Amino acid sequence: MRTSMALLLALIIAGGATALAQPDPADHHGPPPQRGRREFMEKLGLNEKQKTDIAALRTEMEKSMVGIQAKIKIARIDMKNLASAESPDKASIEGKMKEISDLQFQAKKLTVDHIFAVYALLTPEQQKKFKDQLMKRLSGGGMGPMEHRWKGFRGEMPDEHAPR
């Protein structure tokens, strides 16, 4: 009886901890889809040097992001092992949850740092366009070719289907 209780507790902790450690699906901290990013950058009217510099920044961000994502995956595996132990240690599990949360924050911060680095490469006119596009994305607009489907899902009427 005691062993089954401990196992049940471990499963509950593992399930809850794993759920808490998952990224928020509504939180768009990752880079925009390739097509959307390309269209986003085309609207800015970048010169060749800006395109090259931004591509280099993007490559560095992606390399750093791979390392962080790998650490998150490893920490999740470790947390699963901690939770499935014969006698799960609450403090150890909470510590692993904190580690995962800190790594997720690093990933989000990396994205913000990238946005500011790109912004610094732009002319004042491009910065205004960039900021406008970014604000549109952050507020849920300008999601690209699937935007009309999301509007319909949220109960809004897509522009192309609006009554005339």
C-alpha atoms as a PDB file:
ATOM      1  CA  MET A   1       0.000   0.000   0.000  1.00  0.00           C
ATOM      2  CA  ARG A   2       2.766   2.393   0.971  1.00  0.00           C
ATOM      3  CA  THR A   3       4.714   1.666  -2.238  1.00  0.00           C
ATOM      4  CA  SER A   4       1.644   2.251  -4.411  1.00  0.00           C
ATOM      5  CA  MET A   5       0.984   5.543  -2.587  1.00  0.00           C
ATOM      6  CA  ALA A   6       4.566   6.638  -3.205  1.00  0.00           C
ATOM      7  CA  LEU A   7       4.271   5.657  -6.869  1.00  0.00           C
ATOM      8  CA  LEU A   8       0.995   7.562  -7.214  1.00  0.00           C
ATOM      9  CA  LEU A   9       2.562  10.607  -5.562  1.00  0.00           C
ATOM     10  CA  ALA A  10       5.568  10.377  -7.901  1.00  0.00           C
ATOM     11  CA  LEU A  11       3.298  10.212 -10.953  1.00  0.00           C
ATOM     12  CA  ILE A  12       1.262  13.203  -9.788  1.00  0.00           C
ATOM     13  CA  ILE A  13       4.402  15.211  -9.097  1.00  0.00           C
ATOM     14  CA  ALA A  14       5.970  14.210 -12.419  1.00  0.00           C
ATOM     15  CA  GLY A  15       2.831  15.087 -14.353  1.00  0.00           C
ATOM     16  CA  GLY A  16       2.327  18.402 -12.602  1.00  0.00           C
ATOM     17  CA  ALA A  17       5.970  19.378 -12.726  1.00  0.00           C
ATOM     18  CA  THR A  18       6.240  18.480 -16.388  1.00  0.00           C
ATOM     19  CA  ALA A  19       3.136  20.488 -17.185  1.00  0.00           C
ATOM     20  CA  LEU A  20       4.473  23.474 -15.280  1.00  0.00           C
ATOM     21  CA  ALA A  21       7.821  23.243 -17.051  1.00  0.00           C
ATOM     22  CA  GLN A  22       6.250  23.300 -20.507  1.00  0.00           C
ATOM     23  CA  PRO A  23       6.347  26.546 -22.469  1.00  0.00           C
ATOM     24  CA  ASP A  24       3.091  28.439 -22.612  1.00  0.00           C
ATOM     25  CA  PRO A  25       1.547  27.709 -26.039  1.00  0.00           C
ATOM     26  CA  ALA A  26       0.205  31.264 -26.157  1.00  0.00           C
ATOM     27  CA  ASP A  27       3.679  32.628 -25.483  1.00  0.00           C
ATOM     28  CA  HIS A  28       5.413  33.321 -28.784  1.00  0.00           C
ATOM     29  CA  HIS A  29       8.977  33.658 -27.516  1.00  0.00           C
ATOM     30  CA  GLY A  30      10.453  31.767 -30.436  1.00  0.00           C
ATOM     31  CA  PRO A  31      11.315  33.259 -33.774  1.00  0.00           C
ATOM     32  CA  PRO A  32       8.496  33.844 -36.240  1.00  0.00           C
ATOM     33  CA  PRO A  33       8.004  31.268 -39.010  1.00  0.00           C
ATOM     34  CA  GLN A  34      10.497  31.505 -41.903  1.00  0.00           C
ATOM     35  CA  ARG A  35       7.980  32.836 -44.421  1.00  0.00           C
ATOM     36  CA  GLY A  36       6.596  35.403 -41.997  1.00  0.00           C
ATOM     37  CA  ARG A  37      10.081  36.558 -41.050  1.00  0.00           C
ATOM     38  CA  ARG A  38      11.068  36.953 -44.697  1.00  0.00           C
ATOM     39  CA  GLU A  39       7.953  39.038 -45.445  1.00  0.00           C
ATOM     40  CA  PHE A  40       8.525  41.012 -42.248  1.00  0.00           C
ATOM     41  CA  MET A  41      12.085  41.883 -43.328  1.00  0.00           C
ATOM     42  CA  GLU A  42      11.077  42.644 -46.935  1.00  0.00           C
ATOM     43  CA  LYS A  43       8.725  45.346 -45.690  1.00  0.00           C
ATOM     44  CA  LEU A  44      11.688  47.119 -44.087  1.00  0.00           C
ATOM     45  CA  GLY A  45      13.567  47.651 -47.370  1.00  0.00           C
ATOM     46  CA  LEU A  46      16.915  46.461 -46.039  1.00  0.00           C
ATOM     47  CA  ASN A  47      20.143  47.129 -47.909  1.00  0.00           C
ATOM     48  CA  GLU A  48      22.580  44.276 -48.575  1.00  0.00           C
ATOM     49  CA  LYS A  49      24.821  45.054 -45.583  1.00  0.00           C
ATOM     50  CA  GLN A  50      21.829  45.076 -43.248  1.00  0.00           C
ATOM     51  CA  LYS A  51      20.642  41.756 -44.666  1.00  0.00           C
ATOM     52  CA  THR A  52      24.085  40.218 -44.150  1.00  0.00           C
ATOM     53  CA  ASP A  53      24.443  41.609 -40.621  1.00  0.00           C
ATOM     54  CA  ILE A  54      20.951  40.484 -39.611  1.00  0.00           C
ATOM     55  CA  ALA A  55      21.576  37.002 -41.045  1.00  0.00           C
ATOM     56  CA  ALA A  56      24.773  36.766 -38.970  1.00  0.00           C
ATOM     57  CA  LEU A  57      22.890  37.839 -35.822  1.00  0.00           C
ATOM     58  CA  ARG A  58      20.202  35.266 -36.554  1.00  0.00           C
ATOM     59  CA  THR A  59      22.754  32.483 -36.987  1.00  0.00           C
ATOM     60  CA  GLU A  60      24.365  33.308 -33.647  1.00  0.00           C
ATOM     61  CA  MET A  61      20.986  33.428 -31.919  1.00  0.00           C
ATOM     62  CA  GLU A  62      19.988  30.059 -33.391  1.00  0.00           C
ATOM     63  CA  LYS A  63      23.263  28.471 -32.255  1.00  0.00           C
ATOM     64  CA  SER A  64      22.766  29.785 -28.725  1.00  0.00           C
ATOM     65  CA  MET A  65      19.126  28.694 -28.719  1.00  0.00           C
ATOM     66  CA  VAL A  66      20.088  25.098 -29.609  1.00  0.00           C
ATOM     67  CA  GLY A  67      22.291  24.937 -26.523  1.00  0.00           C
ATOM     68  CA  ILE A  68      19.567  26.276 -24.253  1.00  0.00           C
ATOM     69  CA  GLN A  69      16.926  23.944 -25.712  1.00  0.00           C
ATOM     70  CA  ALA A  70      19.237  20.962 -25.204  1.00  0.00           C
ATOM     71  CA  LYS A  71      19.755  21.935 -21.561  1.00  0.00           C
ATOM     72  CA  ILE A  72      15.970  22.202 -21.108  1.00  0.00           C
ATOM     73  CA  LYS A  73      15.445  18.724 -22.550  1.00  0.00           C
ATOM     74  CA  ILE A  74      18.130  17.252 -20.301  1.00  0.00           C
ATOM     75  CA  ALA A  75      16.676  18.994 -17.240  1.00  0.00           C
ATOM     76  CA  ARG A  76      13.213  17.609 -18.077  1.00  0.00           C
ATOM     77  CA  ILE A  77      14.649  14.095 -18.285  1.00  0.00           C
ATOM     78  CA  ASP A  78      16.379  14.638 -14.933  1.00  0.00           C
ATOM     79  CA  MET A  79      13.158  15.924 -13.393  1.00  0.00           C
ATOM     80  CA  LYS A  80      11.251  12.886 -14.661  1.00  0.00           C
ATOM     81  CA  ASN A  81      13.854  10.653 -13.016  1.00  0.00           C
ATOM     82  CA  LEU A  82      13.649  12.602  -9.768  1.00  0.00           C
ATOM     83  CA  ALA A  83       9.864  12.318  -9.726  1.00  0.00           C
ATOM     84  CA  SER A  84       9.869   8.595 -10.483  1.00  0.00           C
ATOM     85  CA  ALA A  85      12.325   7.768  -7.681  1.00  0.00           C
ATOM     86  CA  GLU A  86      11.268   5.347  -4.936  1.00  0.00           C
ATOM     87  CA  SER A  87      11.083   8.291  -2.519  1.00  0.00           C
ATOM     88  CA  PRO A  88      10.709  11.496  -4.547  1.00  0.00           C
ATOM     89  CA  ASP A  89      12.379  14.513  -2.988  1.00  0.00           C
ATOM     90  CA  LYS A  90      10.117  17.551  -3.276  1.00  0.00           C
ATOM     91  CA  ALA A  91      12.987  20.045  -2.884  1.00  0.00           C
ATOM     92  CA  SER A  92      15.007  18.376  -5.654  1.00  0.00           C
ATOM     93  CA  ILE A  93      12.027  18.374  -7.997  1.00  0.00           C
ATOM     94  CA  GLU A  94      11.285  22.018  -7.236  1.00  0.00           C
ATOM     95  CA  GLY A  95      14.943  22.856  -7.822  1.00  0.00           C
ATOM     96  CA  LYS A  96      14.817  21.150 -11.218  1.00  0.00           C
ATOM     97  CA  MET A  97      11.607  23.038 -12.046  1.00  0.00           C
ATOM     98  CA  LYS A  98      13.400  26.290 -11.184  1.00  0.00           C
ATOM     99  CA  GLU A  99      16.341  25.292 -13.392  1.00  0.00           C
ATOM    100  CA  ILE A 100      13.976  24.667 -16.313  1.00  0.00           C
ATOM    101  CA  SER A 101      12.190  27.951 -15.698  1.00  0.00           C
ATOM    102  CA  ASP A 102      15.516  29.816 -15.643  1.00  0.00           C
ATOM    103  CA  LEU A 103      16.553  28.188 -18.923  1.00  0.00           C
ATOM    104  CA  GLN A 104      13.243  29.137 -20.522  1.00  0.00           C
ATOM    105  CA  PHE A 105      13.825  32.713 -19.361  1.00  0.00           C
ATOM    106  CA  GLN A 106      17.297  32.623 -20.978  1.00  0.00           C
ATOM    107  CA  ALA A 107      15.681  31.554 -24.275  1.00  0.00           C
ATOM    108  CA  LYS A 108      13.165  34.381 -24.099  1.00  0.00           C
ATOM    109  CA  LYS A 109      15.866  36.884 -23.177  1.00  0.00           C
ATOM    110  CA  LEU A 110      17.986  35.699 -26.100  1.00  0.00           C
ATOM    111  CA  THR A 111      15.089  36.455 -28.439  1.00  0.00           C
ATOM    112  CA  VAL A 112      14.603  39.926 -26.956  1.00  0.00           C
ATOM    113  CA  ASP A 113      18.337  40.633 -27.210  1.00  0.00           C
ATOM    114  CA  HIS A 114      18.210  39.573 -30.862  1.00  0.00           C
ATOM    115  CA  ILE A 115      15.295  41.914 -31.571  1.00  0.00           C
ATOM    116  CA  PHE A 116      17.171  44.840 -30.030  1.00  0.00           C
ATOM    117  CA  ALA A 117      20.352  43.976 -31.962  1.00  0.00           C
ATOM    118  CA  VAL A 118      18.416  43.940 -35.245  1.00  0.00           C
ATOM    119  CA  TYR A 119      16.662  47.184 -34.312  1.00  0.00           C
ATOM    120  CA  ALA A 120      20.040  48.873 -33.763  1.00  0.00           C
ATOM    121  CA  LEU A 121      21.058  48.085 -37.355  1.00  0.00           C
ATOM    122  CA  LEU A 122      18.054  49.877 -38.849  1.00  0.00           C
ATOM    123  CA  THR A 123      17.591  53.458 -40.013  1.00  0.00           C
ATOM    124  CA  PRO A 124      15.059  55.582 -38.084  1.00  0.00           C
ATOM    125  CA  GLU A 125      12.436  55.011 -40.820  1.00  0.00           C
ATOM    126  CA  GLN A 126      13.063  51.263 -40.783  1.00  0.00           C
ATOM    127  CA  GLN A 127      12.929  51.259 -36.982  1.00  0.00           C
ATOM    128  CA  LYS A 128       9.440  52.762 -37.097  1.00  0.00           C
ATOM    129  CA  LYS A 129       8.277  50.089 -39.570  1.00  0.00           C
ATOM    130  CA  PHE A 130       9.970  47.394 -37.506  1.00  0.00           C
ATOM    131  CA  LYS A 131       8.318  48.575 -34.315  1.00  0.00           C
ATOM    132  CA  ASP A 132       4.902  48.825 -36.013  1.00  0.00           C
ATOM    133  CA  GLN A 133       5.215  45.285 -37.398  1.00  0.00           C
ATOM    134  CA  LEU A 134       6.463  43.941 -34.084  1.00  0.00           C
ATOM    135  CA  MET A 135       3.606  45.543 -32.170  1.00  0.00           C
ATOM    136  CA  LYS A 136       1.162  44.106 -34.691  1.00  0.00           C
ATOM    137  CA  ARG A 137       2.578  40.603 -34.134  1.00  0.00           C
ATOM    138  CA  LEU A 138       2.622  40.980 -30.363  1.00  0.00           C
ATOM    139  CA  SER A 139      -1.002  42.088 -30.316  1.00  0.00           C
ATOM    140  CA  GLY A 140      -2.062  39.060 -32.351  1.00  0.00           C
ATOM    141  CA  GLY A 141      -2.325  40.717 -35.739  1.00  0.00           C
ATOM    142  CA  GLY A 142      -0.147  40.206 -38.772  1.00  0.00           C
ATOM    143  CA  MET A 143       0.224  36.481 -38.266  1.00  0.00           C
ATOM    144  CA  GLY A 144       0.694  35.811 -41.939  1.00  0.00           C
ATOM    145  CA  PRO A 145      -1.271  33.653 -44.346  1.00  0.00           C
ATOM    146  CA  MET A 146      -3.189  31.796 -41.613  1.00  0.00           C
ATOM    147  CA  GLU A 147      -4.342  34.951 -39.863  1.00  0.00           C
ATOM    148  CA  HIS A 148      -7.854  34.731 -41.299  1.00  0.00           C
ATOM    149  CA  ARG A 149      -8.327  31.268 -39.796  1.00  0.00           C
ATOM    150  CA  TRP A 150      -7.343  32.445 -36.325  1.00  0.00           C
ATOM    151  CA  LYS A 151      -9.655  35.417 -36.567  1.00  0.00           C
ATOM    152  CA  GLY A 152     -12.500  33.065 -37.444  1.00  0.00           C
ATOM    153  CA  PHE A 153     -11.535  30.768 -34.581  1.00  0.00           C
ATOM    154  CA  ARG A 154     -11.689  33.685 -32.143  1.00  0.00           C
ATOM    155  CA  GLY A 155     -15.125  34.645 -33.436  1.00  0.00           C
ATOM    156  CA  GLU A 156     -13.933  37.580 -35.505  1.00  0.00           C
ATOM    157  CA  MET A 157     -14.949  38.001 -39.133  1.00  0.00           C
ATOM    158  CA  PRO A 158     -11.973  37.778 -41.525  1.00  0.00           C
ATOM    159  CA  ASP A 159     -11.695  40.875 -43.728  1.00  0.00           C
ATOM    160  CA  GLU A 160     -12.124  38.977 -46.988  1.00  0.00           C
ATOM    161  CA  HIS A 161     -15.401  37.493 -45.685  1.00  0.00           C
ATOM    162  CA  ALA A 162     -16.768  40.661 -44.132  1.00  0.00           C
ATOM    163  CA  PRO A 163     -20.165  41.846 -45.400  1.00  0.00           C
ATOM    164  CA  ARG A 164     -19.884  44.480 -48.115  1.00  0.00           C
END
